[in-house]
Amino acid sequence: MNPIATKGALGLAASTAVAGTVGMAVKFSGQEKPQSIKDLLWQHKPEKRLLFKRYLDKEDGSQPEWKEAWKKYRTNYKDSERDPLGLLTKPVDLNDANAPSNFMESCESLFKEEVHNIKSDRYQLADNYCTRLTSVADLVWESNRKVLAKGNDGNSSEWKGLWKKYIEANLGKDTEKDEWQVFEKKWESTSGQDAATDKFRSKCESESLVKTGSRSHASYQKVIDYCSVPR
């Protein structure tokens, strides 16, 4: 074989190998690029949402989700030498208690930390102790709508409009044969339709609290149609 050709072939093979190695390194580096824990949770845990201090417009940690997270953290580390967030005083008190500010603030700090992947201890810490299950109400909000608050009565124009829409979708159905079994009489038309009933508004409220991360869930579809307004 021509020596020059052989040398050229060897050079090409070497350069190809180097290029391949560089390509793999770039690809690997791209896969391992640090991301915030907040972004990783959003990507990998659609069935969960981050817990923030002002969740449900409260700051005292009395929300059931915060109390549950705090108790879970104390329970899991009460007999351990580890205390990843540095919050516990031994012996650990497991009595029912609101989540303290330093626990909630530690969670919010965790969300901002950057890690390489979901196997990170810090990511796992946030996932286990700083999240709550996604609800239909969350999905509705993220669709640029909001679940109408039940309120004391259904006399608002918004509630009347939603109630009318529900009746129209269930015309001619016997009592408790409608979609949500909230009819107290058979509706043949929307004539005479009055304020949204307590039963209907309560159903909207309970359906909005259903836990799911999927927009194909039946509860999400119905709450969007019958219980939500633009925000």
Protein backbone atom coordinates (compact mmCIF):
# COMPACT_ATOMS: atom_id res chain seq x y z
CA MET A 1 0.00 0.00 0.00
CA ASN A 2 1.21 3.53 -0.77
CA PRO A 3 3.00 4.83 2.39
CA ILE A 4 1.51 8.28 1.94
CA ALA A 5 -1.99 6.82 1.66
CA THR A 6 -1.37 4.66 4.71
CA LYS A 7 -0.17 7.65 6.71
CA GLY A 8 -3.19 9.67 5.62
CA ALA A 9 -5.57 6.88 6.61
CA LEU A 10 -3.97 6.59 10.03
CA GLY A 11 -4.19 10.34 10.49
CA LEU A 12 -7.87 10.33 9.55
CA ALA A 13 -8.57 7.47 11.96
CA ALA A 14 -6.79 9.29 14.76
CA SER A 15 -8.59 12.56 14.10
CA THR A 16 -11.91 10.72 13.95
CA ALA A 17 -11.22 9.05 17.29
CA VAL A 18 -10.32 12.39 18.86
CA ALA A 19 -13.41 14.04 17.41
CA GLY A 20 -15.53 11.18 18.69
CA THR A 21 -14.03 11.50 22.15
CA VAL A 22 -14.60 15.25 22.18
CA GLY A 23 -18.16 14.73 20.97
CA MET A 24 -18.83 12.24 23.73
CA ALA A 25 -17.32 14.59 26.28
CA VAL A 26 -19.48 17.46 25.09
CA LYS A 27 -22.55 15.26 25.11
CA PHE A 28 -21.74 13.95 28.59
CA SER A 29 -21.03 17.45 29.80
CA GLY A 30 -24.36 18.59 28.40
CA GLN A 31 -26.19 15.85 30.23
CA GLU A 32 -24.47 16.72 33.49
CA LYS A 33 -24.97 20.48 33.30
CA PRO A 34 -26.18 21.66 36.71
CA GLN A 35 -29.82 22.70 36.99
CA SER A 36 -31.78 24.20 39.82
CA ILE A 37 -33.65 21.72 41.98
CA LYS A 38 -36.79 23.73 41.23
CA ASP A 39 -36.41 23.10 37.48
CA LEU A 40 -35.60 19.41 37.93
CA LEU A 41 -38.66 18.86 40.12
CA TRP A 42 -40.81 20.59 37.52
CA GLN A 43 -39.41 18.35 34.76
CA HIS A 44 -39.47 15.03 36.59
CA LYS A 45 -42.35 15.31 39.08
CA PRO A 46 -45.53 16.53 37.33
CA GLU A 47 -47.54 14.93 40.13
CA LYS A 48 -45.93 17.25 42.67
CA ARG A 49 -45.67 20.99 43.33
CA LEU A 50 -43.17 22.97 45.38
CA LEU A 51 -44.22 23.96 48.87
CA PHE A 52 -43.69 27.66 49.53
CA LYS A 53 -43.97 29.51 52.81
CA ARG A 54 -47.01 31.53 51.70
CA TYR A 55 -48.92 28.53 50.35
CA LEU A 56 -52.68 29.17 50.68
CA ASP A 57 -51.89 32.74 51.77
CA LYS A 58 -50.62 31.63 55.18
CA GLU A 59 -47.16 32.03 56.66
CA ASP A 60 -47.50 30.19 59.97
CA GLY A 61 -46.86 26.65 58.69
CA SER A 62 -50.34 25.53 59.73
CA GLN A 63 -51.26 24.22 56.30
CA PRO A 64 -51.79 20.43 56.42
CA GLU A 65 -49.15 19.90 53.74
CA TRP A 66 -46.52 21.84 55.68
CA LYS A 67 -47.36 20.13 58.97
CA GLU A 68 -47.14 16.73 57.30
CA ALA A 69 -43.78 17.54 55.70
CA TRP A 70 -42.34 18.80 58.99
CA LYS A 71 -43.51 15.73 60.89
CA LYS A 72 -42.09 13.45 58.21
CA TYR A 73 -38.71 15.18 58.44
CA ARG A 74 -38.61 14.94 62.25
CA THR A 75 -39.72 11.30 62.22
CA ASN A 76 -37.13 10.22 59.68
CA TYR A 77 -34.19 11.94 61.40
CA LYS A 78 -35.10 11.68 65.09
CA ASP A 79 -32.82 8.68 65.68
CA SER A 80 -30.23 9.60 63.10
CA GLU A 81 -26.93 11.39 63.48
CA ARG A 82 -27.82 13.18 60.29
CA ASP A 83 -29.91 16.35 60.17
CA PRO A 84 -29.45 17.61 56.58
CA LEU A 85 -31.14 20.95 57.20
CA GLY A 86 -29.60 21.46 60.64
CA LEU A 87 -32.91 22.15 62.35
CA LEU A 88 -33.44 19.47 64.98
CA THR A 89 -32.80 19.55 68.72
CA LYS A 90 -32.49 16.16 70.42
CA PRO A 91 -34.59 14.57 71.74
CA VAL A 92 -36.89 15.33 68.83
CA ASP A 93 -40.48 16.25 69.70
CA LEU A 94 -42.94 14.49 67.38
CA ASN A 95 -46.09 16.16 68.69
CA ASP A 96 -48.42 17.79 66.19
CA ALA A 97 -46.94 21.17 65.31
CA ASN A 98 -46.88 23.82 62.62
CA ALA A 99 -43.85 23.82 60.36
CA PRO A 100 -41.38 26.42 61.71
CA SER A 101 -40.19 29.31 59.56
CA ASN A 102 -36.62 28.00 59.36
CA PHE A 103 -37.87 24.70 57.90
CA MET A 104 -40.00 26.44 55.26
CA GLU A 105 -37.18 28.86 54.43
CA SER A 106 -34.73 25.94 54.13
CA CYS A 107 -37.01 24.39 51.52
CA GLU A 108 -37.13 27.60 49.51
CA SER A 109 -33.33 27.80 49.63
CA LEU A 110 -33.09 24.20 48.45
CA PHE A 111 -35.17 24.99 45.37
CA LYS A 112 -32.52 27.49 44.24
CA GLU A 113 -29.59 25.10 44.61
CA GLU A 114 -28.13 23.60 41.45
CA VAL A 115 -27.36 19.89 41.16
CA HIS A 116 -26.29 17.60 38.33
CA ASN A 117 -29.19 15.16 38.37
CA ILE A 118 -32.13 13.78 40.32
CA LYS A 119 -29.89 11.31 42.17
CA SER A 120 -28.42 14.19 44.15
CA ASP A 121 -28.99 14.01 47.92
CA ARG A 122 -30.12 17.64 47.90
CA TYR A 123 -32.67 16.95 45.17
CA GLN A 124 -33.98 13.94 47.08
CA LEU A 125 -34.23 16.05 50.22
CA ALA A 126 -36.37 18.65 48.44
CA ASP A 127 -38.50 15.99 46.78
CA ASN A 128 -39.19 14.19 50.05
CA TYR A 129 -39.78 17.11 52.41
CA CYS A 130 -40.54 20.25 50.42
CA THR A 131 -43.25 19.23 47.97
CA ARG A 132 -46.95 18.51 47.96
CA LEU A 133 -49.18 16.55 45.60
CA THR A 134 -50.47 18.43 42.56
CA SER A 135 -54.18 19.21 42.65
CA VAL A 136 -56.72 19.91 39.93
CA ALA A 137 -56.77 23.52 41.16
CA ASP A 138 -53.03 23.79 40.39
CA LEU A 139 -53.56 22.58 36.83
CA VAL A 140 -56.48 24.97 36.35
CA TRP A 141 -54.34 27.88 37.56
CA GLU A 142 -51.54 26.91 35.20
CA SER A 143 -54.10 27.01 32.37
CA ASN A 144 -54.63 30.73 33.07
CA ARG A 145 -57.89 30.11 34.86
CA LYS A 146 -58.88 29.85 38.52
CA VAL A 147 -61.39 27.76 40.43
CA LEU A 148 -64.20 29.98 41.64
CA ALA A 149 -64.28 30.11 45.44
CA LYS A 150 -67.38 28.46 46.89
CA GLY A 151 -68.40 31.51 48.91
CA ASN A 152 -71.52 31.80 51.03
CA ASP A 153 -73.99 31.67 48.15
CA GLY A 154 -74.15 31.18 44.39
CA ASN A 155 -75.70 34.51 43.50
CA SER A 156 -72.71 36.03 41.71
CA SER A 157 -72.94 36.38 37.95
CA GLU A 158 -69.96 34.04 37.61
CA TRP A 159 -71.56 31.26 39.66
CA LYS A 160 -74.88 31.68 37.87
CA GLY A 161 -73.11 31.43 34.52
CA LEU A 162 -71.29 28.24 35.50
CA TRP A 163 -74.44 26.68 36.95
CA LYS A 164 -76.31 27.48 33.73
CA LYS A 165 -73.55 25.85 31.70
CA TYR A 166 -73.77 22.71 33.83
CA ILE A 167 -77.56 22.56 33.49
CA GLU A 168 -77.32 22.96 29.70
CA ALA A 169 -74.91 20.02 29.54
CA ASN A 170 -77.30 17.86 31.56
CA LEU A 171 -80.75 18.86 30.29
CA GLY A 172 -83.41 16.16 30.51
CA LYS A 173 -81.56 14.08 33.08
CA ASP A 174 -83.47 12.85 36.10
CA THR A 175 -82.64 13.82 39.66
CA GLU A 176 -79.15 12.62 40.60
CA LYS A 177 -78.66 11.19 37.10
CA ASP A 178 -76.60 14.18 36.00
CA GLU A 179 -72.80 14.05 35.72
CA TRP A 180 -72.13 14.96 39.33
CA GLN A 181 -75.45 13.82 40.78
CA VAL A 182 -76.21 17.26 42.16
CA PHE A 183 -79.60 17.85 40.50
CA GLU A 184 -82.46 18.22 42.92
CA LYS A 185 -84.94 18.27 40.06
CA LYS A 186 -85.07 17.44 36.37
CA TRP A 187 -84.19 20.39 34.15
CA GLU A 188 -85.86 20.60 30.73
CA SER A 189 -84.50 24.09 30.04
CA THR A 190 -82.49 26.77 31.79
CA SER A 191 -85.60 28.88 32.20
CA GLY A 192 -86.03 29.76 35.85
CA GLN A 193 -82.45 28.82 36.60
CA ASP A 194 -81.41 30.65 39.75
CA ALA A 195 -78.32 30.83 41.94
CA ALA A 196 -75.83 27.97 41.84
CA THR A 197 -76.82 25.50 44.53
CA ASP A 198 -74.68 24.71 47.55
CA LYS A 199 -74.46 21.11 46.39
CA PHE A 200 -73.04 22.16 43.02
CA ARG A 201 -70.55 24.61 44.52
CA SER A 202 -69.42 22.04 47.08
CA LYS A 203 -68.83 19.55 44.28
CA CYS A 204 -66.71 22.10 42.44
CA GLU A 205 -64.67 22.61 45.58
CA SER A 206 -64.10 18.90 46.24
CA GLU A 207 -63.26 18.14 42.59
CA SER A 208 -60.73 20.96 42.51
CA LEU A 209 -58.88 19.32 45.42
CA VAL A 210 -58.49 15.96 43.64
CA LYS A 211 -54.80 15.05 43.43
CA THR A 212 -53.49 14.53 39.91
CA GLY A 213 -50.73 15.81 37.66
CA SER A 214 -52.59 14.92 34.46
CA ARG A 215 -54.75 17.26 32.40
CA SER A 216 -56.50 14.25 30.92
CA HIS A 217 -57.99 13.44 34.34
CA ALA A 218 -61.80 13.64 34.31
CA SER A 219 -61.88 15.94 37.33
CA TYR A 220 -59.64 18.48 35.61
CA GLN A 221 -61.81 18.54 32.50
CA LYS A 222 -65.01 19.05 34.46
CA VAL A 223 -63.60 21.68 36.80
CA ILE A 224 -62.28 23.65 33.82
CA ASP A 225 -65.72 23.51 32.21
CA TYR A 226 -68.02 24.04 35.18
CA CYS A 227 -66.06 25.64 38.02
CA SER A 228 -63.44 27.99 36.62
CA VAL A 229 -63.18 31.52 35.28
CA PRO A 230 -60.34 33.42 33.56
CA ARG A 231 -57.75 34.91 35.92
